[in-house]
N, C-alpha and C. Protein backbone atom coordinates (compact mmCIF):
# COMPACT_ATOMS: atom_id res chain seq x y z
N UNK A 1 17.51 -21.72 -20.82
CA UNK A 1 17.69 -22.32 -19.50
C UNK A 1 18.22 -21.79 -18.76
N UNK A 2 18.24 -21.53 -17.25
CA UNK A 2 19.32 -21.46 -16.52
C UNK A 2 19.68 -22.44 -15.64
N UNK A 3 21.26 -22.53 -15.31
CA UNK A 3 21.76 -23.34 -14.82
C UNK A 3 21.62 -23.27 -13.30
N UNK A 4 21.30 -22.40 -12.86
CA UNK A 4 20.80 -22.37 -11.35
C UNK A 4 20.00 -23.49 -11.03
N UNK A 5 20.76 -24.03 -9.50
CA UNK A 5 19.88 -25.11 -8.78
C UNK A 5 18.41 -24.64 -8.72
N UNK A 6 17.59 -25.32 -8.68
CA UNK A 6 16.00 -25.12 -8.36
C UNK A 6 15.44 -24.97 -7.43
N UNK A 7 16.47 -25.38 -6.16
CA UNK A 7 15.75 -25.51 -4.66
C UNK A 7 16.67 -24.78 -3.87
N UNK A 8 17.07 -23.56 -4.41
CA UNK A 8 17.44 -22.32 -3.48
C UNK A 8 16.73 -21.08 -3.61
N UNK A 9 16.46 -20.60 -2.45
CA UNK A 9 15.86 -19.34 -2.47
C UNK A 9 16.72 -18.29 -2.33
N UNK A 10 17.01 -17.36 -3.34
CA UNK A 10 18.04 -16.55 -3.30
C UNK A 10 17.53 -14.74 -3.15
N UNK A 11 17.94 -14.31 -2.26
CA UNK A 11 17.02 -13.17 -1.37
C UNK A 11 18.50 -11.92 -1.17
N UNK A 12 18.04 -10.91 -1.83
CA UNK A 12 18.64 -9.53 -1.43
C UNK A 12 18.07 -8.52 -0.68
N UNK A 13 18.68 -7.69 0.33
CA UNK A 13 17.86 -6.85 0.83
C UNK A 13 18.64 -5.73 1.41
N UNK A 14 17.74 -4.73 1.46
CA UNK A 14 18.33 -3.20 1.75
C UNK A 14 17.18 -2.89 2.76
N UNK A 15 17.65 -1.94 3.81
CA UNK A 15 16.49 -1.48 4.66
C UNK A 15 16.06 -2.39 5.98
N UNK A 16 14.84 -1.98 6.26
CA UNK A 16 14.18 -2.70 7.22
C UNK A 16 13.00 -3.60 7.11
N UNK A 17 12.63 -3.78 5.75
CA UNK A 17 11.59 -4.92 5.32
C UNK A 17 12.18 -6.07 5.40
N UNK A 18 11.33 -7.14 6.01
CA UNK A 18 11.84 -8.32 6.38
C UNK A 18 11.32 -9.51 5.29
N UNK A 19 12.07 -10.49 5.15
CA UNK A 19 11.86 -11.96 4.59
C UNK A 19 11.82 -12.85 5.80
N UNK A 20 10.74 -13.74 5.69
CA UNK A 20 10.38 -14.78 6.54
C UNK A 20 10.14 -16.13 5.81
N UNK A 21 10.84 -17.19 5.93
CA UNK A 21 10.47 -18.62 5.90
C UNK A 21 9.62 -19.37 6.96
N UNK A 22 8.65 -19.64 6.50
CA UNK A 22 8.05 -20.55 7.50
C UNK A 22 7.79 -21.97 6.91
N UNK A 23 8.71 -22.82 7.63
CA UNK A 23 8.46 -24.21 7.52
C UNK A 23 8.38 -25.20 8.56
N UNK A 24 9.38 -25.66 9.41
CA UNK A 24 8.93 -26.45 10.54
C UNK A 24 8.67 -25.34 11.82
N UNK A 25 9.26 -24.05 11.66
CA UNK A 25 9.26 -23.17 12.49
C UNK A 25 9.51 -22.00 11.61
N UNK A 26 9.15 -20.66 12.29
CA UNK A 26 9.63 -19.26 11.43
C UNK A 26 10.79 -18.95 11.63
N UNK A 27 11.18 -18.36 10.65
CA UNK A 27 12.94 -18.15 10.38
C UNK A 27 12.92 -16.62 9.72
N UNK A 28 13.71 -15.61 10.48
CA UNK A 28 13.61 -14.53 9.74
C UNK A 28 15.13 -14.62 8.92
N UNK A 29 14.99 -14.46 7.74
CA UNK A 29 16.12 -14.72 6.89
C UNK A 29 16.74 -13.58 6.46
N UNK A 30 16.34 -12.22 6.55
CA UNK A 30 16.99 -10.96 6.35
C UNK A 30 17.73 -10.39 7.52
N UNK A 31 18.29 -9.45 7.49
CA UNK A 31 19.03 -8.65 8.96
C UNK A 31 18.47 -7.50 8.73
N UNK A 32 17.97 -6.58 9.40
CA UNK A 32 17.20 -5.20 9.35
C UNK A 32 18.75 -4.12 9.13
N UNK A 33 18.79 -3.51 8.83
CA UNK A 33 19.69 -2.32 8.24
C UNK A 33 19.22 -1.12 9.22
N UNK A 34 19.16 -1.11 10.59
CA UNK A 34 18.71 -0.17 11.37
C UNK A 34 19.45 0.01 12.40
N UNK A 35 19.46 1.10 13.15
CA UNK A 35 20.35 1.62 14.27
C UNK A 35 20.06 0.36 15.87
N UNK A 36 18.87 0.20 15.89
CA UNK A 36 18.59 -0.78 17.04
C UNK A 36 18.90 -1.99 16.58
N UNK A 37 18.79 -2.63 15.53
CA UNK A 37 19.53 -3.82 15.27
C UNK A 37 21.21 -4.15 15.39
N UNK A 38 21.88 -2.55 14.67
CA UNK A 38 23.12 -2.28 15.43
C UNK A 38 23.43 -2.63 16.78
N UNK A 39 22.57 -1.85 17.59
CA UNK A 39 22.59 -2.18 19.09
C UNK A 39 22.60 -3.48 19.76
N UNK A 40 21.53 -4.17 19.05
CA UNK A 40 21.38 -5.73 19.47
C UNK A 40 22.75 -6.35 19.21
N UNK A 41 23.01 -6.38 18.05
CA UNK A 41 24.40 -7.04 17.53
C UNK A 41 25.56 -6.88 18.35
N UNK A 42 25.59 -5.50 18.98
CA UNK A 42 26.88 -5.08 19.67
C UNK A 42 26.69 -5.54 21.24
N UNK A 43 25.62 -6.27 21.34
CA UNK A 43 24.91 -6.39 22.81
C UNK A 43 24.68 -5.14 23.83
N UNK A 44 24.51 -4.45 23.10
CA UNK A 44 23.82 -3.19 23.88
C UNK A 44 22.28 -3.04 24.38
N UNK A 45 21.66 -4.27 23.64
CA UNK A 45 20.21 -4.23 23.65
C UNK A 45 19.79 -5.36 23.21
N UNK A 46 18.55 -6.03 24.09
CA UNK A 46 17.94 -7.33 23.88
C UNK A 46 16.82 -7.05 23.02
N UNK A 47 16.63 -8.01 22.43
CA UNK A 47 15.52 -8.16 21.35
C UNK A 47 14.05 -7.72 21.65
N UNK A 48 13.95 -7.92 23.17
CA UNK A 48 12.69 -7.96 23.82
C UNK A 48 12.32 -6.18 23.77
N UNK A 49 13.68 -5.44 24.28
CA UNK A 49 13.40 -4.23 24.83
C UNK A 49 13.53 -3.23 23.32
N UNK A 50 14.09 -4.06 22.27
CA UNK A 50 14.13 -3.49 20.81
C UNK A 50 12.77 -3.19 20.26
N UNK A 51 11.83 -4.13 20.62
CA UNK A 51 10.64 -3.78 19.91
C UNK A 51 9.94 -2.50 20.10
N UNK A 52 10.00 -2.09 21.34
CA UNK A 52 9.44 -0.41 21.90
C UNK A 52 10.68 0.56 21.77
N UNK A 53 11.86 0.23 21.34
CA UNK A 53 12.81 1.61 21.28
C UNK A 53 12.70 2.40 20.76
N UNK A 54 12.31 3.67 21.31
CA UNK A 54 12.26 4.90 20.64
C UNK A 54 12.99 5.29 19.12
N UNK A 55 14.11 4.78 18.90
CA UNK A 55 14.91 5.05 17.90
C UNK A 55 14.85 3.67 17.01
N UNK A 56 13.79 3.29 17.08
CA UNK A 56 13.23 1.74 16.27
C UNK A 56 13.44 2.06 14.58
N UNK A 57 13.09 3.15 14.29
CA UNK A 57 12.54 3.21 12.88
C UNK A 57 14.11 4.26 12.17
N UNK A 58 15.17 4.35 12.69
CA UNK A 58 15.93 5.00 12.16
C UNK A 58 16.91 3.61 11.50
N UNK A 59 16.88 3.92 10.13
CA UNK A 59 17.65 2.87 9.32
C UNK A 59 19.00 3.28 9.03
N UNK A 60 19.87 2.20 8.80
CA UNK A 60 21.26 2.48 8.38
C UNK A 60 21.38 2.33 6.89
N UNK A 61 20.82 1.68 5.98
CA UNK A 61 20.63 1.80 4.73
C UNK A 61 19.58 1.43 4.17
N UNK A 62 19.73 2.61 3.13
CA UNK A 62 18.16 2.41 2.46
C UNK A 62 18.09 2.70 0.86
N UNK A 63 17.30 2.31 0.04
CA UNK A 63 17.37 2.81 -1.39
C UNK A 63 16.97 4.02 -1.55
N UNK A 64 17.62 4.79 -2.72
CA UNK A 64 17.18 5.92 -2.84
C UNK A 64 17.88 7.23 -2.29
N UNK A 65 18.76 6.70 -0.86
CA UNK A 65 19.30 7.72 -0.42
C UNK A 65 20.90 8.66 -0.56
N UNK A 66 21.48 7.60 -1.50
CA UNK A 66 22.89 7.72 -1.85
C UNK A 66 22.54 7.05 -3.29
N UNK A 67 23.80 7.33 -4.08
CA UNK A 67 23.76 6.82 -5.37
C UNK A 67 23.81 5.25 -5.63
N UNK A 68 24.87 4.84 -4.56
CA UNK A 68 25.08 3.31 -4.57
C UNK A 68 24.58 2.82 -3.09
N UNK A 69 24.12 1.74 -2.96
CA UNK A 69 23.70 1.09 -1.72
C UNK A 69 24.29 -0.31 -1.71
N UNK A 70 24.93 -0.98 -0.59
CA UNK A 70 25.65 -2.12 -0.35
C UNK A 70 24.02 -3.19 0.06
N UNK A 71 23.52 -4.12 -1.04
CA UNK A 71 22.78 -5.38 -0.09
C UNK A 71 23.26 -6.05 0.36
N UNK A 72 22.27 -6.89 1.10
CA UNK A 72 22.78 -7.83 1.78
C UNK A 72 22.12 -9.00 1.00
N UNK A 73 22.82 -10.14 0.39
CA UNK A 73 22.40 -11.41 -0.25
C UNK A 73 22.53 -12.62 0.81
N UNK A 74 21.50 -13.35 0.37
CA UNK A 74 21.14 -14.50 1.06
C UNK A 74 20.97 -15.87 0.31
N UNK A 75 20.93 -16.98 0.64
CA UNK A 75 21.03 -18.30 0.14
C UNK A 75 20.48 -19.18 0.98
N UNK A 76 18.90 -19.44 0.70
CA UNK A 76 18.47 -20.44 1.86
C UNK A 76 18.33 -21.93 0.82
N UNK A 77 18.87 -22.56 1.28
CA UNK A 77 19.02 -24.16 0.56
C UNK A 77 18.13 -25.27 1.20
N UNK A 78 17.71 -24.89 2.57
CA UNK A 78 16.56 -25.83 2.93
C UNK A 78 15.37 -25.50 2.87
N UNK A 79 14.79 -25.36 1.59
CA UNK A 79 13.41 -25.24 1.44
C UNK A 79 12.55 -26.55 0.69
N UNK A 80 11.49 -26.43 1.09
CA UNK A 80 10.70 -27.54 0.49
C UNK A 80 8.98 -27.22 -0.13
N UNK A 81 8.70 -27.86 -0.90
CA UNK A 81 7.23 -27.32 -1.14
C UNK A 81 6.39 -27.50 0.23
N UNK A 82 5.85 -26.31 -0.26
CA UNK A 82 4.94 -26.18 0.93
C UNK A 82 5.30 -25.18 2.23
N UNK A 83 6.55 -24.69 2.26
CA UNK A 83 7.07 -23.74 2.90
C UNK A 83 6.05 -22.50 2.04
N UNK A 84 6.25 -21.16 3.27
CA UNK A 84 5.73 -20.23 2.93
C UNK A 84 6.58 -19.16 3.13
N UNK A 85 6.64 -18.17 2.18
CA UNK A 85 7.60 -17.23 2.43
C UNK A 85 6.69 -15.82 2.79
N UNK A 86 7.01 -15.30 3.82
CA UNK A 86 6.41 -13.89 4.12
C UNK A 86 7.62 -12.82 3.83
N UNK A 87 6.97 -11.56 3.04
CA UNK A 87 7.97 -10.29 2.79
C UNK A 87 6.88 -9.55 3.46
N UNK A 88 7.44 -8.67 4.34
CA UNK A 88 6.66 -7.56 5.12
C UNK A 88 7.41 -6.43 5.11
N UNK A 89 7.09 -5.18 5.23
CA UNK A 89 7.73 -4.09 5.80
C UNK A 89 7.70 -4.05 7.39
N UNK A 90 8.27 -2.91 7.76
CA UNK A 90 8.59 -2.88 9.22
C UNK A 90 6.99 -2.43 9.76
N UNK A 91 5.95 -2.11 8.96
CA UNK A 91 4.80 -1.43 9.63
C UNK A 91 3.90 -2.80 10.11
N UNK A 92 4.30 -3.95 9.50
CA UNK A 92 3.97 -5.41 10.17
C UNK A 92 4.73 -5.73 11.43
N UNK A 93 6.03 -5.85 10.98
CA UNK A 93 6.84 -6.57 11.93
C UNK A 93 7.21 -5.73 13.16
N UNK A 94 6.88 -4.70 12.98
CA UNK A 94 7.06 -3.61 14.50
C UNK A 94 5.43 -3.86 15.55
N UNK A 95 4.39 -4.55 14.58
CA UNK A 95 3.24 -4.57 15.39
C UNK A 95 2.90 -5.93 15.80
N UNK A 96 3.40 -6.91 15.07
CA UNK A 96 3.11 -8.18 15.36
C UNK A 96 4.21 -9.33 15.57
N UNK A 97 4.29 -9.88 16.75
CA UNK A 97 5.22 -10.93 16.94
C UNK A 97 5.59 -11.81 15.94
N UNK A 98 6.68 -12.36 15.92
CA UNK A 98 7.33 -13.57 14.90
C UNK A 98 6.13 -14.80 15.42
N UNK A 99 5.96 -15.02 16.77
CA UNK A 99 5.29 -15.89 17.20
C UNK A 99 3.97 -15.74 16.48
N UNK A 100 3.47 -14.77 16.43
CA UNK A 100 1.98 -14.58 16.00
C UNK A 100 1.91 -14.65 14.59
N UNK A 101 2.87 -14.26 13.73
CA UNK A 101 2.74 -14.20 12.28
C UNK A 101 2.76 -15.68 12.19
N UNK A 102 3.70 -16.27 12.62
CA UNK A 102 3.67 -18.07 12.44
C UNK A 102 2.42 -18.50 12.68
N UNK A 103 1.47 -18.00 13.68
CA UNK A 103 0.32 -18.49 14.14
C UNK A 103 -0.61 -18.59 12.81
N UNK A 104 -0.71 -17.05 12.50
CA UNK A 104 -1.54 -16.80 11.24
C UNK A 104 -1.05 -17.52 10.19
N UNK A 105 0.11 -17.58 9.70
CA UNK A 105 0.48 -18.19 8.51
C UNK A 105 0.15 -19.63 8.69
N UNK A 106 -0.07 -20.37 9.72
CA UNK A 106 -0.21 -21.73 9.95
C UNK A 106 -1.71 -22.07 9.59
N UNK A 107 -2.43 -20.92 9.86
CA UNK A 107 -4.09 -21.31 9.60
C UNK A 107 -4.30 -22.02 8.28
N UNK A 108 -5.54 -22.48 8.40
CA UNK A 108 -5.98 -23.19 7.16
C UNK A 108 -7.25 -22.42 6.50
N UNK A 109 -6.24 -21.13 6.04
CA UNK A 109 -7.36 -20.15 4.91
C UNK A 109 -6.36 -19.96 3.86
N UNK A 110 -7.04 -19.36 3.00
CA UNK A 110 -6.20 -18.64 1.99
C UNK A 110 -5.05 -17.73 2.10
N UNK A 111 -4.04 -17.71 1.48
CA UNK A 111 -2.82 -17.05 1.89
C UNK A 111 -3.61 -15.43 1.87
N UNK A 112 -4.55 -15.13 0.87
CA UNK A 112 -4.85 -13.84 0.88
C UNK A 112 -5.77 -13.43 1.98
N UNK A 113 -6.39 -14.17 2.59
CA UNK A 113 -7.04 -14.02 3.83
C UNK A 113 -6.12 -13.80 5.02
N UNK A 114 -4.96 -14.69 5.17
CA UNK A 114 -3.84 -14.50 5.99
C UNK A 114 -3.20 -13.28 6.10
N UNK A 115 -2.78 -12.99 5.03
CA UNK A 115 -2.07 -11.43 4.82
C UNK A 115 -3.41 -10.59 5.15
N UNK A 116 -4.54 -10.59 4.96
CA UNK A 116 -5.39 -9.21 5.39
C UNK A 116 -5.56 -9.56 7.06
N UNK A 117 -5.43 -10.70 7.70
CA UNK A 117 -5.83 -10.83 9.02
C UNK A 117 -4.33 -10.03 9.50
N UNK A 118 -3.33 -10.38 8.98
CA UNK A 118 -1.93 -9.83 9.63
C UNK A 118 -2.11 -8.00 9.48
N UNK A 119 -2.66 -7.50 8.34
CA UNK A 119 -3.08 -6.29 8.11
C UNK A 119 -3.48 -5.74 9.48
N UNK A 120 -4.75 -6.24 9.42
CA UNK A 120 -5.92 -6.17 10.19
C UNK A 120 -5.38 -6.03 11.77
N UNK A 121 -4.55 -6.70 11.84
CA UNK A 121 -4.27 -6.98 13.49
C UNK A 121 -3.47 -5.77 13.57
N UNK A 122 -2.41 -5.41 12.85
CA UNK A 122 -1.24 -4.48 12.81
C UNK A 122 -2.06 -2.77 12.68
N UNK A 123 -2.99 -2.87 12.07
CA UNK A 123 -3.93 -1.64 12.16
C UNK A 123 -4.48 -1.55 13.39
N UNK A 124 -4.87 -2.73 13.96
CA UNK A 124 -6.19 -2.71 15.25
C UNK A 124 -4.97 -2.28 16.49
N UNK A 125 -3.84 -2.52 16.51
CA UNK A 125 -2.53 -2.52 17.24
C UNK A 125 -2.31 -0.85 17.25
N UNK A 126 -2.72 0.16 16.20
CA UNK A 126 -2.25 1.13 16.07
C UNK A 126 -1.25 1.66 14.72
N UNK A 127 -1.31 0.51 13.76
CA UNK A 127 -0.94 0.64 12.34
C UNK A 127 0.15 2.17 12.31
N UNK A 128 1.15 2.00 13.08
CA UNK A 128 2.11 3.33 13.20
C UNK A 128 2.69 3.45 11.87
N UNK A 129 3.13 2.86 10.61
CA UNK A 129 3.71 2.81 9.63
C UNK A 129 2.72 1.94 8.51
N UNK A 130 3.36 2.23 7.38
CA UNK A 130 2.69 1.63 6.15
C UNK A 130 3.07 0.05 6.45
N UNK A 131 1.96 -0.75 6.00
CA UNK A 131 1.80 -2.20 6.29
C UNK A 131 1.98 -2.85 4.72
N UNK A 132 3.00 -3.66 4.64
CA UNK A 132 3.20 -4.26 3.46
C UNK A 132 3.26 -6.00 3.69
N UNK A 133 2.54 -6.75 3.07
CA UNK A 133 2.71 -8.13 3.13
C UNK A 133 2.46 -8.75 1.84
N UNK A 134 3.62 -9.42 1.63
CA UNK A 134 3.30 -10.53 0.42
C UNK A 134 3.41 -12.18 1.00
N UNK A 135 2.61 -13.09 1.03
CA UNK A 135 2.72 -14.57 0.99
C UNK A 135 2.82 -15.24 -0.10
N UNK A 136 4.04 -16.17 -0.19
CA UNK A 136 3.89 -17.01 -1.28
C UNK A 136 4.25 -18.35 -0.74
N UNK A 137 3.59 -19.33 -1.40
CA UNK A 137 3.66 -20.95 -1.16
C UNK A 137 4.75 -21.48 -2.05
N UNK A 138 5.78 -22.00 -1.49
CA UNK A 138 6.59 -22.23 -2.22
C UNK A 138 6.45 -23.90 -3.07
N UNK A 139 7.04 -24.22 -4.32
CA UNK A 139 6.70 -25.38 -5.01
C UNK A 139 8.19 -25.67 -5.53
N UNK A 140 8.79 -26.55 -5.23
CA UNK A 140 10.27 -26.92 -5.18
C UNK A 140 10.18 -28.09 -6.30
N UNK A 141 11.28 -28.10 -7.51
CA UNK A 141 11.54 -28.92 -8.36
C UNK A 141 12.26 -29.93 -7.52
N UNK A 142 11.64 -31.14 -7.14
CA UNK A 142 12.19 -32.00 -6.53
C UNK A 142 12.23 -33.48 -7.08
N UNK A 143 13.06 -33.39 -8.12
CA UNK A 143 13.27 -34.15 -9.27
C UNK A 143 14.51 -35.37 -8.57
């Protein structure tokens, strides 16, 4: 039996795939490892212009490129039962805004149908990259 608390979401990330938590609002948990994200952090580019920047797909960290890679680790301790986790590749997040993702996640259909709708919308808008979507509804031990 693990001694880890049951109400914390632990996340590790490398690259530009994302993890979102949808609770009261949508929140991006991970930080992209991309040239454009670095430009945003340094104040040289705003988020809206970043969505269409020509260097958007240049990543600064990736698994398999070098023998060792630094991963970012996140702990999310304000989760509750019913929250939804969305893990997706940049093929989705580059084609659909966070607000649109949240709107689809909040629909009253199955998680599978919501994921299919996201993929269909990304493809309808050009599907310029591989599109991966995982949706999971959290059940937290609330003892």
